[in-house]
Amino acid sequence: MKIAASILAFFIFVLAISSLFLNKNIPKRTPSPESKSQQESKATILLGGDVMLARSVMTKSIKAGDYAYPFSKIADFTKDADIFFVNLENPIVSGCPKTDSGFKFCADPKMIEGLLFAGVDVVTLANNHAGNYGQEGIEETKKFLDQSGIKFVGFDNLETIKVGDIKIGLLGLDFLTNTPKDSDFKLISESKKEVDFLVVGIHWGVEYRYEPESYQKELAKKIIESGADAIAGHHPHWVQKIEYIEGKPIYYSLGNLVFDQMWSEETKKGLLVKLTVNKNGKIVNEEFIKTYMSAFAQPELVPRPGFEPG
């Protein structure tokens, strides 16, 4: 009996040692990390200013043999955001004539390559140049953007994008050539019911000025009260001040991101705003990134810690 017990104890000892050895050499399986949206339940929204891919921007890109030329110095940054939203200041039409002058804008469909390269997700067409080629030009623009997978706003339509479990809504309104109507504010209110965070792109103001007009401040208040969580303004071509109503930001003008207005320092400047928002529709981080077109119609990032415009 003693011999049998000794043998049994020996085998148990050998099995224990073997188990330790095997476990040491077998890689342990670690749980797959959760996605960023699951882990933090946050979304990043990048807001940019006026983007005009027509006139000399297009001819310069064609000459360079690169339709993504305007965005080549900023794309690594801009494409990193969950949502990138800009004002597209030109229709996109087939057979667009090459020109370096005039105020009737159009861009060749190939210029969309730049928007895709930069990671643009949504554009607003609610501006004073979207209709430069009439309704036919607008329909062509919609068609080409849709084919490329880029969403557009500006036609009383709410576009939504889900980032994890956060639903972001975007609208575009032209208050430069159109008088604000009750239906515009109703659209904002109804849209907010559908999303966690609502961005409204507005075309308004006066060109080449630092300060917004008094009527814009009144409109901004009404837009925020109607349900907007952030206002992205365009048209002045200069970066303007920022205000907050009920803690919600109004970027009166984000300036030029891509444009061929190289004749002044202010028109070469732009502002990108990166918002991090949570499921409760709150902004948990707001980052300002200056841009500057030192090369023709080609912005680059100008990092400046602590920069706060306005």
C-alpha atoms as a PDB file:
ATOM      1  CA  MET A   1       0.000   0.000   0.000  1.00  0.00           C
ATOM      2  CA  LYS A   2       2.834   2.359   0.884  1.00  0.00           C
ATOM      3  CA  ILE A   3       4.514   1.619  -2.458  1.00  0.00           C
ATOM      4  CA  ALA A   4       1.252   2.271  -4.366  1.00  0.00           C
ATOM      5  CA  ALA A   5       0.729   5.541  -2.496  1.00  0.00           C
ATOM      6  CA  SER A   6       4.285   6.612  -3.278  1.00  0.00           C
ATOM      7  CA  ILE A   7       3.831   5.836  -6.970  1.00  0.00           C
ATOM      8  CA  LEU A   8       0.532   7.788  -7.070  1.00  0.00           C
ATOM      9  CA  ALA A   9       2.133  10.768  -5.342  1.00  0.00           C
ATOM     10  CA  PHE A  10       5.009  10.674  -7.849  1.00  0.00           C
ATOM     11  CA  PHE A  11       2.624  10.752 -10.844  1.00  0.00           C
ATOM     12  CA  ILE A  12       0.657  13.653  -9.329  1.00  0.00           C
ATOM     13  CA  PHE A  13       3.925  15.556  -8.863  1.00  0.00           C
ATOM     14  CA  VAL A  14       4.984  14.909 -12.492  1.00  0.00           C
ATOM     15  CA  LEU A  15       1.595  16.069 -13.806  1.00  0.00           C
ATOM     16  CA  ALA A  16       1.751  19.269 -11.768  1.00  0.00           C
ATOM     17  CA  ILE A  17       5.256  20.097 -13.044  1.00  0.00           C
ATOM     18  CA  SER A  18       4.200  19.360 -16.650  1.00  0.00           C
ATOM     19  CA  SER A  19       1.155  21.581 -16.311  1.00  0.00           C
ATOM     20  CA  LEU A  20       3.256  24.492 -15.065  1.00  0.00           C
ATOM     21  CA  PHE A  21       5.717  24.044 -17.895  1.00  0.00           C
ATOM     22  CA  LEU A  22       3.039  23.882 -20.586  1.00  0.00           C
ATOM     23  CA  ASN A  23       1.110  26.891 -19.257  1.00  0.00           C
ATOM     24  CA  LYS A  24       4.311  28.889 -19.194  1.00  0.00           C
ATOM     25  CA  ASN A  25       4.945  28.273 -22.884  1.00  0.00           C
ATOM     26  CA  ILE A  26       1.398  28.615 -24.200  1.00  0.00           C
ATOM     27  CA  PRO A  27       0.549  32.233 -25.029  1.00  0.00           C
ATOM     28  CA  LYS A  28      -2.390  33.519 -23.045  1.00  0.00           C
ATOM     29  CA  ARG A  29      -5.391  34.787 -24.965  1.00  0.00           C
ATOM     30  CA  THR A  30      -6.221  38.337 -24.024  1.00  0.00           C
ATOM     31  CA  PRO A  31      -9.703  39.766 -24.620  1.00  0.00           C
ATOM     32  CA  SER A  32     -10.043  41.760 -27.842  1.00  0.00           C
ATOM     33  CA  PRO A  33      -9.924  45.464 -27.064  1.00  0.00           C
ATOM     34  CA  GLU A  34     -13.193  47.304 -27.480  1.00  0.00           C
ATOM     35  CA  SER A  35     -13.515  49.763 -30.318  1.00  0.00           C
ATOM     36  CA  LYS A  36     -12.839  53.417 -29.550  1.00  0.00           C
ATOM     37  CA  SER A  37     -16.542  54.263 -29.666  1.00  0.00           C
ATOM     38  CA  GLN A  38     -17.475  51.400 -27.317  1.00  0.00           C
ATOM     39  CA  GLN A  39     -14.665  52.188 -24.917  1.00  0.00           C
ATOM     40  CA  GLU A  40     -15.167  55.923 -24.604  1.00  0.00           C
ATOM     41  CA  SER A  41     -18.518  56.585 -26.293  1.00  0.00           C
ATOM     42  CA  LYS A  42     -17.143  59.717 -27.934  1.00  0.00           C
ATOM     43  CA  ALA A  43     -17.081  61.089 -31.472  1.00  0.00           C
ATOM     44  CA  THR A  44     -14.836  63.661 -33.128  1.00  0.00           C
ATOM     45  CA  ILE A  45     -16.235  66.239 -35.541  1.00  0.00           C
ATOM     46  CA  LEU A  46     -13.883  68.414 -37.579  1.00  0.00           C
ATOM     47  CA  LEU A  47     -15.336  71.681 -38.897  1.00  0.00           C
ATOM     48  CA  GLY A  48     -13.652  73.490 -41.780  1.00  0.00           C
ATOM     49  CA  GLY A  49     -14.302  76.709 -43.657  1.00  0.00           C
ATOM     50  CA  ASP A  50     -14.795  77.613 -47.308  1.00  0.00           C
ATOM     51  CA  VAL A  51     -13.521  75.087 -49.845  1.00  0.00           C
ATOM     52  CA  MET A  52     -13.480  76.296 -53.442  1.00  0.00           C
ATOM     53  CA  LEU A  53     -12.101  73.779 -55.955  1.00  0.00           C
ATOM     54  CA  ALA A  54     -12.857  75.853 -59.049  1.00  0.00           C
ATOM     55  CA  ARG A  55     -11.084  78.614 -60.979  1.00  0.00           C
ATOM     56  CA  SER A  56      -7.323  78.731 -60.275  1.00  0.00           C
ATOM     57  CA  VAL A  57      -7.504  75.970 -57.647  1.00  0.00           C
ATOM     58  CA  MET A  58      -8.558  73.573 -60.391  1.00  0.00           C
ATOM     59  CA  THR A  59      -6.091  74.818 -63.020  1.00  0.00           C
ATOM     60  CA  LYS A  60      -3.236  74.646 -60.479  1.00  0.00           C
ATOM     61  CA  SER A  61      -4.205  71.074 -59.551  1.00  0.00           C
ATOM     62  CA  ILE A  62      -4.370  70.053 -63.213  1.00  0.00           C
ATOM     63  CA  LYS A  63      -0.982  71.636 -63.868  1.00  0.00           C
ATOM     64  CA  ALA A  64       0.468  69.804 -60.856  1.00  0.00           C
ATOM     65  CA  GLY A  65      -1.021  66.544 -62.138  1.00  0.00           C
ATOM     66  CA  ASP A  66      -2.631  65.990 -58.754  1.00  0.00           C
ATOM     67  CA  TYR A  67      -6.344  66.521 -58.087  1.00  0.00           C
ATOM     68  CA  ALA A  68      -5.685  66.114 -54.360  1.00  0.00           C
ATOM     69  CA  TYR A  69      -3.113  68.934 -54.474  1.00  0.00           C
ATOM     70  CA  PRO A  70      -5.154  71.387 -52.305  1.00  0.00           C
ATOM     71  CA  PHE A  71      -5.270  68.958 -49.367  1.00  0.00           C
ATOM     72  CA  SER A  72      -1.864  67.283 -49.585  1.00  0.00           C
ATOM     73  CA  LYS A  73      -0.426  69.065 -46.517  1.00  0.00           C
ATOM     74  CA  ILE A  74      -3.401  68.622 -44.180  1.00  0.00           C
ATOM     75  CA  ALA A  75      -4.980  65.294 -45.158  1.00  0.00           C
ATOM     76  CA  ASP A  76      -3.096  63.236 -42.582  1.00  0.00           C
ATOM     77  CA  PHE A  77      -4.754  65.321 -39.887  1.00  0.00           C
ATOM     78  CA  THR A  78      -8.203  65.872 -41.373  1.00  0.00           C
ATOM     79  CA  LYS A  79      -8.880  62.255 -42.307  1.00  0.00           C
ATOM     80  CA  ASP A  80      -8.340  61.193 -38.696  1.00  0.00           C
ATOM     81  CA  ALA A  81     -11.623  62.742 -37.496  1.00  0.00           C
ATOM     82  CA  ASP A  82     -14.773  60.631 -37.352  1.00  0.00           C
ATOM     83  CA  ILE A  83     -16.647  63.321 -39.313  1.00  0.00           C
ATOM     84  CA  PHE A  84     -15.168  66.119 -41.447  1.00  0.00           C
ATOM     85  CA  PHE A  85     -17.649  68.853 -42.486  1.00  0.00           C
ATOM     86  CA  VAL A  86     -16.883  71.784 -44.826  1.00  0.00           C
ATOM     87  CA  ASN A  87     -18.617  74.348 -47.032  1.00  0.00           C
ATOM     88  CA  LEU A  88     -18.199  73.447 -50.728  1.00  0.00           C
ATOM     89  CA  GLU A  89     -18.253  76.756 -52.565  1.00  0.00           C
ATOM     90  CA  ASN A  90     -18.729  75.483 -56.122  1.00  0.00           C
ATOM     91  CA  PRO A  91     -20.852  73.144 -58.211  1.00  0.00           C
ATOM     92  CA  ILE A  92     -19.226  70.059 -59.728  1.00  0.00           C
ATOM     93  CA  VAL A  93     -20.116  69.652 -63.391  1.00  0.00           C
ATOM     94  CA  SER A  94     -18.919  67.614 -66.336  1.00  0.00           C
ATOM     95  CA  GLY A  95     -17.187  69.651 -69.004  1.00  0.00           C
ATOM     96  CA  CYS A  96     -16.288  72.418 -66.552  1.00  0.00           C
ATOM     97  CA  PRO A  97     -14.241  75.024 -68.492  1.00  0.00           C
ATOM     98  CA  LYS A  98     -10.755  75.905 -67.246  1.00  0.00           C
ATOM     99  CA  THR A  99     -10.413  79.520 -66.167  1.00  0.00           C
ATOM    100  CA  ASP A 100      -8.428  81.649 -63.744  1.00  0.00           C
ATOM    101  CA  SER A 101     -10.912  84.494 -63.517  1.00  0.00           C
ATOM    102  CA  GLY A 102     -14.566  85.333 -63.015  1.00  0.00           C
ATOM    103  CA  PHE A 103     -17.110  84.589 -60.317  1.00  0.00           C
ATOM    104  CA  LYS A 104     -19.012  81.781 -62.009  1.00  0.00           C
ATOM    105  CA  PHE A 105     -17.504  78.749 -60.317  1.00  0.00           C
ATOM    106  CA  CYS A 106     -17.402  75.087 -61.290  1.00  0.00           C
ATOM    107  CA  ALA A 107     -15.068  72.173 -60.696  1.00  0.00           C
ATOM    108  CA  ASP A 108     -14.291  69.089 -62.739  1.00  0.00           C
ATOM    109  CA  PRO A 109     -15.630  65.876 -61.107  1.00  0.00           C
ATOM    110  CA  LYS A 110     -12.040  64.686 -60.721  1.00  0.00           C
ATOM    111  CA  MET A 111     -11.507  67.387 -58.088  1.00  0.00           C
ATOM    112  CA  ILE A 112     -13.599  65.216 -55.759  1.00  0.00           C
ATOM    113  CA  GLU A 113     -10.424  63.147 -55.366  1.00  0.00           C
ATOM    114  CA  GLY A 114      -9.142  65.889 -53.071  1.00  0.00           C
ATOM    115  CA  LEU A 115     -12.236  65.774 -50.859  1.00  0.00           C
ATOM    116  CA  LEU A 116     -11.922  62.007 -50.546  1.00  0.00           C
ATOM    117  CA  PHE A 117      -8.189  62.208 -49.869  1.00  0.00           C
ATOM    118  CA  ALA A 118      -8.837  64.701 -47.056  1.00  0.00           C
ATOM    119  CA  GLY A 119     -11.517  62.475 -45.531  1.00  0.00           C
ATOM    120  CA  VAL A 120     -14.406  64.904 -46.104  1.00  0.00           C
ATOM    121  CA  ASP A 121     -17.615  63.171 -45.073  1.00  0.00           C
ATOM    122  CA  VAL A 122     -20.231  65.898 -45.493  1.00  0.00           C
ATOM    123  CA  VAL A 123     -20.373  69.199 -47.387  1.00  0.00           C
ATOM    124  CA  THR A 124     -22.906  71.981 -47.235  1.00  0.00           C
ATOM    125  CA  LEU A 125     -24.093  73.328 -50.579  1.00  0.00           C
ATOM    126  CA  ALA A 126     -26.155  76.071 -48.949  1.00  0.00           C
ATOM    127  CA  ASN A 127     -24.178  79.005 -50.318  1.00  0.00           C
ATOM    128  CA  ASN A 128     -24.225  81.707 -52.980  1.00  0.00           C
ATOM    129  CA  HIS A 129     -22.136  79.774 -55.533  1.00  0.00           C
ATOM    130  CA  ALA A 130     -23.736  76.318 -55.484  1.00  0.00           C
ATOM    131  CA  GLY A 131     -26.213  77.447 -58.130  1.00  0.00           C
ATOM    132  CA  ASN A 132     -23.684  79.040 -60.497  1.00  0.00           C
ATOM    133  CA  TYR A 133     -24.595  76.479 -63.159  1.00  0.00           C
ATOM    134  CA  GLY A 134     -28.310  76.490 -62.414  1.00  0.00           C
ATOM    135  CA  GLN A 135     -30.458  73.642 -61.229  1.00  0.00           C
ATOM    136  CA  GLU A 136     -28.791  71.296 -63.693  1.00  0.00           C
ATOM    137  CA  GLY A 137     -25.436  72.066 -62.079  1.00  0.00           C
ATOM    138  CA  ILE A 138     -26.862  71.427 -58.618  1.00  0.00           C
ATOM    139  CA  GLU A 139     -28.243  68.066 -59.689  1.00  0.00           C
ATOM    140  CA  GLU A 140     -24.919  67.105 -61.264  1.00  0.00           C
ATOM    141  CA  THR A 141     -23.125  68.097 -58.068  1.00  0.00           C
ATOM    142  CA  LYS A 142     -25.442  65.934 -55.988  1.00  0.00           C
ATOM    143  CA  LYS A 143     -24.945  63.029 -58.380  1.00  0.00           C
ATOM    144  CA  PHE A 144     -21.147  63.189 -58.332  1.00  0.00           C
ATOM    145  CA  LEU A 145     -20.989  63.576 -54.553  1.00  0.00           C
ATOM    146  CA  ASP A 146     -23.429  60.716 -54.063  1.00  0.00           C
ATOM    147  CA  GLN A 147     -21.397  58.463 -56.364  1.00  0.00           C
ATOM    148  CA  SER A 148     -18.310  59.272 -54.302  1.00  0.00           C
ATOM    149  CA  GLY A 149     -19.991  58.529 -50.984  1.00  0.00           C
ATOM    150  CA  ILE A 150     -19.829  62.117 -49.750  1.00  0.00           C
ATOM    151  CA  LYS A 151     -22.998  63.334 -48.059  1.00  0.00           C
ATOM    152  CA  PHE A 152     -24.388  66.814 -48.680  1.00  0.00           C
ATOM    153  CA  VAL A 153     -26.760  69.186 -46.910  1.00  0.00           C
ATOM    154  CA  GLY A 154     -28.423  72.438 -47.840  1.00  0.00           C
ATOM    155  CA  PHE A 155     -31.762  71.301 -49.235  1.00  0.00           C
ATOM    156  CA  ASP A 156     -33.783  71.122 -46.018  1.00  0.00           C
ATOM    157  CA  ASN A 157     -32.263  67.686 -45.551  1.00  0.00           C
ATOM    158  CA  LEU A 158     -30.788  66.295 -42.367  1.00  0.00           C
ATOM    159  CA  GLU A 159     -27.777  64.040 -42.845  1.00  0.00           C
ATOM    160  CA  THR A 160     -26.878  61.706 -40.001  1.00  0.00           C
ATOM    161  CA  ILE A 161     -23.766  59.695 -39.232  1.00  0.00           C
ATOM    162  CA  LYS A 162     -23.435  57.200 -36.392  1.00  0.00           C
ATOM    163  CA  VAL A 163     -20.123  56.954 -34.595  1.00  0.00           C
ATOM    164  CA  GLY A 164     -20.467  53.985 -32.292  1.00  0.00           C
ATOM    165  CA  ASP A 165     -23.698  54.655 -30.436  1.00  0.00           C
ATOM    166  CA  ILE A 166     -23.573  58.432 -30.977  1.00  0.00           C
ATOM    167  CA  LYS A 167     -25.778  59.869 -33.707  1.00  0.00           C
ATOM    168  CA  ILE A 168     -24.469  63.096 -35.250  1.00  0.00           C
ATOM    169  CA  GLY A 169     -26.743  65.300 -37.362  1.00  0.00           C
ATOM    170  CA  LEU A 170     -25.736  67.965 -39.886  1.00  0.00           C
ATOM    171  CA  LEU A 171     -27.729  70.706 -41.599  1.00  0.00           C
ATOM    172  CA  GLY A 172     -26.855  73.473 -44.064  1.00  0.00           C
ATOM    173  CA  LEU A 173     -28.662  76.817 -44.375  1.00  0.00           C
ATOM    174  CA  ASP A 174     -28.036  79.817 -46.614  1.00  0.00           C
ATOM    175  CA  PHE A 175     -28.913  83.009 -44.757  1.00  0.00           C
ATOM    176  CA  LEU A 176     -26.911  85.134 -47.189  1.00  0.00           C
ATOM    177  CA  THR A 177     -29.192  84.934 -50.208  1.00  0.00           C
ATOM    178  CA  ASN A 178     -32.275  83.623 -48.391  1.00  0.00           C
ATOM    179  CA  THR A 179     -34.289  85.329 -45.659  1.00  0.00           C
ATOM    180  CA  PRO A 180     -34.559  83.138 -42.539  1.00  0.00           C
ATOM    181  CA  LYS A 181     -38.027  81.574 -42.240  1.00  0.00           C
ATOM    182  CA  ASP A 182     -39.946  79.905 -39.453  1.00  0.00           C
ATOM    183  CA  SER A 183     -39.596  76.655 -41.367  1.00  0.00           C
ATOM    184  CA  ASP A 184     -35.796  76.886 -41.025  1.00  0.00           C
ATOM    185  CA  PHE A 185     -36.002  76.956 -37.239  1.00  0.00           C
ATOM    186  CA  LYS A 186     -38.613  74.209 -37.275  1.00  0.00           C
ATOM    187  CA  LEU A 187     -36.225  72.106 -39.361  1.00  0.00           C
ATOM    188  CA  ILE A 188     -33.545  72.590 -36.691  1.00  0.00           C
ATOM    189  CA  SER A 189     -35.943  71.662 -33.896  1.00  0.00           C
ATOM    190  CA  GLU A 190     -37.225  68.552 -35.671  1.00  0.00           C
ATOM    191  CA  SER A 191     -33.690  67.497 -36.619  1.00  0.00           C
ATOM    192  CA  LYS A 192     -32.451  67.747 -33.046  1.00  0.00           C
ATOM    193  CA  LYS A 193     -35.093  65.216 -31.984  1.00  0.00           C
ATOM    194  CA  GLU A 194     -33.439  62.687 -34.299  1.00  0.00           C
ATOM    195  CA  VAL A 195     -29.833  63.005 -33.126  1.00  0.00           C
ATOM    196  CA  ASP A 196     -27.588  63.280 -30.088  1.00  0.00           C
ATOM    197  CA  PHE A 197     -25.554  66.222 -31.423  1.00  0.00           C
ATOM    198  CA  LEU A 198     -26.570  68.674 -34.156  1.00  0.00           C
ATOM    199  CA  VAL A 199     -24.220  70.858 -36.226  1.00  0.00           C
ATOM    200  CA  VAL A 200     -25.719  73.610 -38.378  1.00  0.00           C
ATOM    201  CA  GLY A 201     -23.618  75.065 -41.192  1.00  0.00           C
ATOM    202  CA  ILE A 202     -24.646  78.646 -41.984  1.00  0.00           C
ATOM    203  CA  HIS A 203     -23.695  80.830 -44.939  1.00  0.00           C
ATOM    204  CA  TRP A 204     -24.012  84.437 -43.750  1.00  0.00           C
ATOM    205  CA  GLY A 205     -22.283  87.695 -42.897  1.00  0.00           C
ATOM    206  CA  VAL A 206     -20.218  90.234 -44.800  1.00  0.00           C
ATOM    207  CA  GLU A 207     -16.992  89.484 -46.655  1.00  0.00           C
ATOM    208  CA  TYR A 208     -13.594  90.582 -45.353  1.00  0.00           C
ATOM    209  CA  ARG A 209     -14.593  91.615 -41.852  1.00  0.00           C
ATOM    210  CA  TYR A 210     -13.431  90.452 -38.433  1.00  0.00           C
ATOM    211  CA  GLU A 211     -16.723  91.017 -36.636  1.00  0.00           C
ATOM    212  CA  PRO A 212     -20.084  89.385 -37.308  1.00  0.00           C
ATOM    213  CA  GLU A 213     -23.105  91.590 -37.909  1.00  0.00           C
ATOM    214  CA  SER A 214     -25.637  92.247 -35.153  1.00  0.00           C
ATOM    215  CA  TYR A 215     -28.337  90.362 -37.078  1.00  0.00           C
ATOM    216  CA  GLN A 216     -26.092  87.262 -37.043  1.00  0.00           C
ATOM    217  CA  LYS A 217     -25.916  87.357 -33.266  1.00  0.00           C
ATOM    218  CA  GLU A 218     -29.695  87.481 -33.074  1.00  0.00           C
ATOM    219  CA  LEU A 219     -29.986  84.601 -35.530  1.00  0.00           C
ATOM    220  CA  ALA A 220     -27.367  82.596 -33.658  1.00  0.00           C
ATOM    221  CA  LYS A 221     -29.397  82.849 -30.467  1.00  0.00           C
ATOM    222  CA  LYS A 222     -32.520  81.648 -32.236  1.00  0.00           C
ATOM    223  CA  ILE A 223     -30.648  78.784 -33.932  1.00  0.00           C
ATOM    224  CA  ILE A 224     -29.242  77.580 -30.613  1.00  0.00           C
ATOM    225  CA  GLU A 225     -32.613  77.923 -28.894  1.00  0.00           C
ATOM    226  CA  SER A 226     -34.125  75.845 -31.718  1.00  0.00           C
ATOM    227  CA  GLY A 227     -31.822  72.936 -30.942  1.00  0.00           C
ATOM    228  CA  ALA A 228     -28.407  73.391 -32.601  1.00  0.00           C
ATOM    229  CA  ASP A 229     -25.422  72.227 -30.548  1.00  0.00           C
ATOM    230  CA  ALA A 230     -22.836  74.044 -32.702  1.00  0.00           C
ATOM    231  CA  ILE A 231     -22.904  76.558 -35.564  1.00  0.00           C
ATOM    232  CA  ALA A 232     -20.252  76.495 -38.305  1.00  0.00           C
ATOM    233  CA  GLY A 233     -20.274  79.780 -40.223  1.00  0.00           C
ATOM    234  CA  HIS A 234     -18.937  80.538 -43.697  1.00  0.00           C
ATOM    235  CA  HIS A 235     -18.718  83.273 -46.357  1.00  0.00           C
ATOM    236  CA  PRO A 236     -16.682  86.212 -44.926  1.00  0.00           C
ATOM    237  CA  HIS A 237     -13.389  84.527 -46.035  1.00  0.00           C
ATOM    238  CA  TRP A 238     -11.775  85.808 -42.831  1.00  0.00           C
ATOM    239  CA  VAL A 239     -11.693  83.975 -39.519  1.00  0.00           C
ATOM    240  CA  GLN A 240     -14.099  85.708 -37.151  1.00  0.00           C
ATOM    241  CA  LYS A 241     -14.759  85.631 -33.429  1.00  0.00           C
ATOM    242  CA  ILE A 242     -16.333  82.822 -31.482  1.00  0.00           C
ATOM    243  CA  GLU A 243     -19.166  83.157 -28.998  1.00  0.00           C
ATOM    244  CA  TYR A 244     -21.000  80.717 -26.759  1.00  0.00           C
ATOM    245  CA  ILE A 245     -24.709  80.667 -26.062  1.00  0.00           C
ATOM    246  CA  GLU A 246     -25.862  78.303 -23.338  1.00  0.00           C
ATOM    247  CA  GLY A 247     -22.375  76.782 -23.557  1.00  0.00           C
ATOM    248  CA  LYS A 248     -22.797  76.009 -27.273  1.00  0.00           C
ATOM    249  CA  PRO A 249     -20.256  77.410 -29.759  1.00  0.00           C
ATOM    250  CA  ILE A 250     -20.951  79.793 -32.629  1.00  0.00           C
ATOM    251  CA  TYR A 251     -18.062  79.911 -35.087  1.00  0.00           C
ATOM    252  CA  TYR A 252     -19.222  82.937 -37.047  1.00  0.00           C
ATOM    253  CA  SER A 253     -16.689  82.341 -39.805  1.00  0.00           C
ATOM    254  CA  LEU A 254     -14.033  79.653 -40.134  1.00  0.00           C
ATOM    255  CA  GLY A 255     -12.333  81.546 -42.956  1.00  0.00           C
ATOM    256  CA  ASN A 256     -10.859  79.992 -46.077  1.00  0.00           C
ATOM    257  CA  LEU A 257      -9.632  76.420 -45.961  1.00  0.00           C
ATOM    258  CA  VAL A 258      -8.998  76.058 -49.708  1.00  0.00           C
ATOM    259  CA  PHE A 259      -9.385  79.085 -51.984  1.00  0.00           C
ATOM    260  CA  ASP A 260      -7.429  80.981 -54.613  1.00  0.00           C
ATOM    261  CA  GLN A 261      -7.693  84.293 -52.753  1.00  0.00           C
ATOM    262  CA  MET A 262      -3.946  84.651 -52.331  1.00  0.00           C
ATOM    263  CA  TRP A 263      -3.978  88.451 -52.512  1.00  0.00           C
ATOM    264  CA  SER A 264      -4.158  89.134 -48.743  1.00  0.00           C
ATOM    265  CA  GLU A 265      -2.922  87.650 -45.488  1.00  0.00           C
ATOM    266  CA  GLU A 266      -6.385  87.252 -43.974  1.00  0.00           C
ATOM    267  CA  THR A 267      -7.807  85.348 -46.943  1.00  0.00           C
ATOM    268  CA  LYS A 268      -4.923  82.866 -46.683  1.00  0.00           C
ATOM    269  CA  LYS A 269      -5.938  81.990 -43.120  1.00  0.00           C
ATOM    270  CA  GLY A 270      -8.438  79.418 -41.940  1.00  0.00           C
ATOM    271  CA  LEU A 271      -9.528  77.700 -38.772  1.00  0.00           C
ATOM    272  CA  LEU A 272     -10.265  74.037 -38.190  1.00  0.00           C
ATOM    273  CA  VAL A 273     -12.248  73.191 -35.066  1.00  0.00           C
ATOM    274  CA  LYS A 274     -12.134  69.662 -33.702  1.00  0.00           C
ATOM    275  CA  LEU A 275     -14.987  68.859 -31.343  1.00  0.00           C
ATOM    276  CA  THR A 276     -15.120  65.737 -29.204  1.00  0.00           C
ATOM    277  CA  VAL A 277     -18.679  64.986 -28.134  1.00  0.00           C
ATOM    278  CA  ASN A 278     -20.311  62.315 -26.012  1.00  0.00           C
ATOM    279  CA  LYS A 279     -23.556  60.371 -26.134  1.00  0.00           C
ATOM    280  CA  ASN A 280     -25.286  63.041 -24.038  1.00  0.00           C
ATOM    281  CA  GLY A 281     -24.660  65.623 -26.739  1.00  0.00           C
ATOM    282  CA  LYS A 282     -22.032  67.451 -24.704  1.00  0.00           C
ATOM    283  CA  ILE A 283     -18.751  68.824 -26.002  1.00  0.00           C
ATOM    284  CA  VAL A 284     -16.004  67.296 -23.877  1.00  0.00           C
ATOM    285  CA  ASN A 285     -13.108  68.828 -25.812  1.00  0.00           C
ATOM    286  CA  GLU A 286     -12.697  71.715 -28.263  1.00  0.00           C
ATOM    287  CA  GLU A 287      -9.466  72.072 -30.211  1.00  0.00           C
ATOM    288  CA  PHE A 288      -8.499  74.945 -32.530  1.00  0.00           C
ATOM    289  CA  ILE A 289      -6.063  74.387 -35.404  1.00  0.00           C
ATOM    290  CA  LYS A 290      -5.012  77.297 -37.582  1.00  0.00           C
ATOM    291  CA  THR A 291      -4.353  76.798 -41.284  1.00  0.00           C
ATOM    292  CA  TYR A 292      -2.414  78.996 -43.686  1.00  0.00           C
ATOM    293  CA  MET A 293      -1.968  78.877 -47.451  1.00  0.00           C
ATOM    294  CA  SER A 294       1.699  79.713 -47.895  1.00  0.00           C
ATOM    295  CA  ALA A 295       1.701  77.778 -51.181  1.00  0.00           C
ATOM    296  CA  PHE A 296      -0.968  78.586 -53.748  1.00  0.00           C
ATOM    297  CA  ALA A 297      -4.384  77.315 -52.560  1.00  0.00           C
ATOM    298  CA  GLN A 298      -2.689  74.663 -50.445  1.00  0.00           C
ATOM    299  CA  PRO A 299      -3.261  75.041 -46.689  1.00  0.00           C
ATOM    300  CA  GLU A 300      -0.929  73.711 -44.067  1.00  0.00           C
ATOM    301  CA  LEU A 301      -1.438  73.315 -40.334  1.00  0.00           C
ATOM    302  CA  VAL A 302      -0.104  76.046 -38.077  1.00  0.00           C
ATOM    303  CA  PRO A 303      -0.073  74.505 -34.583  1.00  0.00           C
ATOM    304  CA  ARG A 304      -0.083  76.977 -31.756  1.00  0.00           C
ATOM    305  CA  PRO A 305      -0.811  75.572 -28.287  1.00  0.00           C
ATOM    306  CA  GLY A 306      -3.483  77.471 -26.432  1.00  0.00           C
ATOM    307  CA  PHE A 307      -4.655  79.340 -29.533  1.00  0.00           C
ATOM    308  CA  GLU A 308      -8.138  80.745 -29.041  1.00  0.00           C
ATOM    309  CA  PRO A 309      -9.539  83.006 -31.776  1.00  0.00           C
ATOM    310  CA  GLY A 310     -11.872  85.895 -31.113  1.00  0.00           C
END
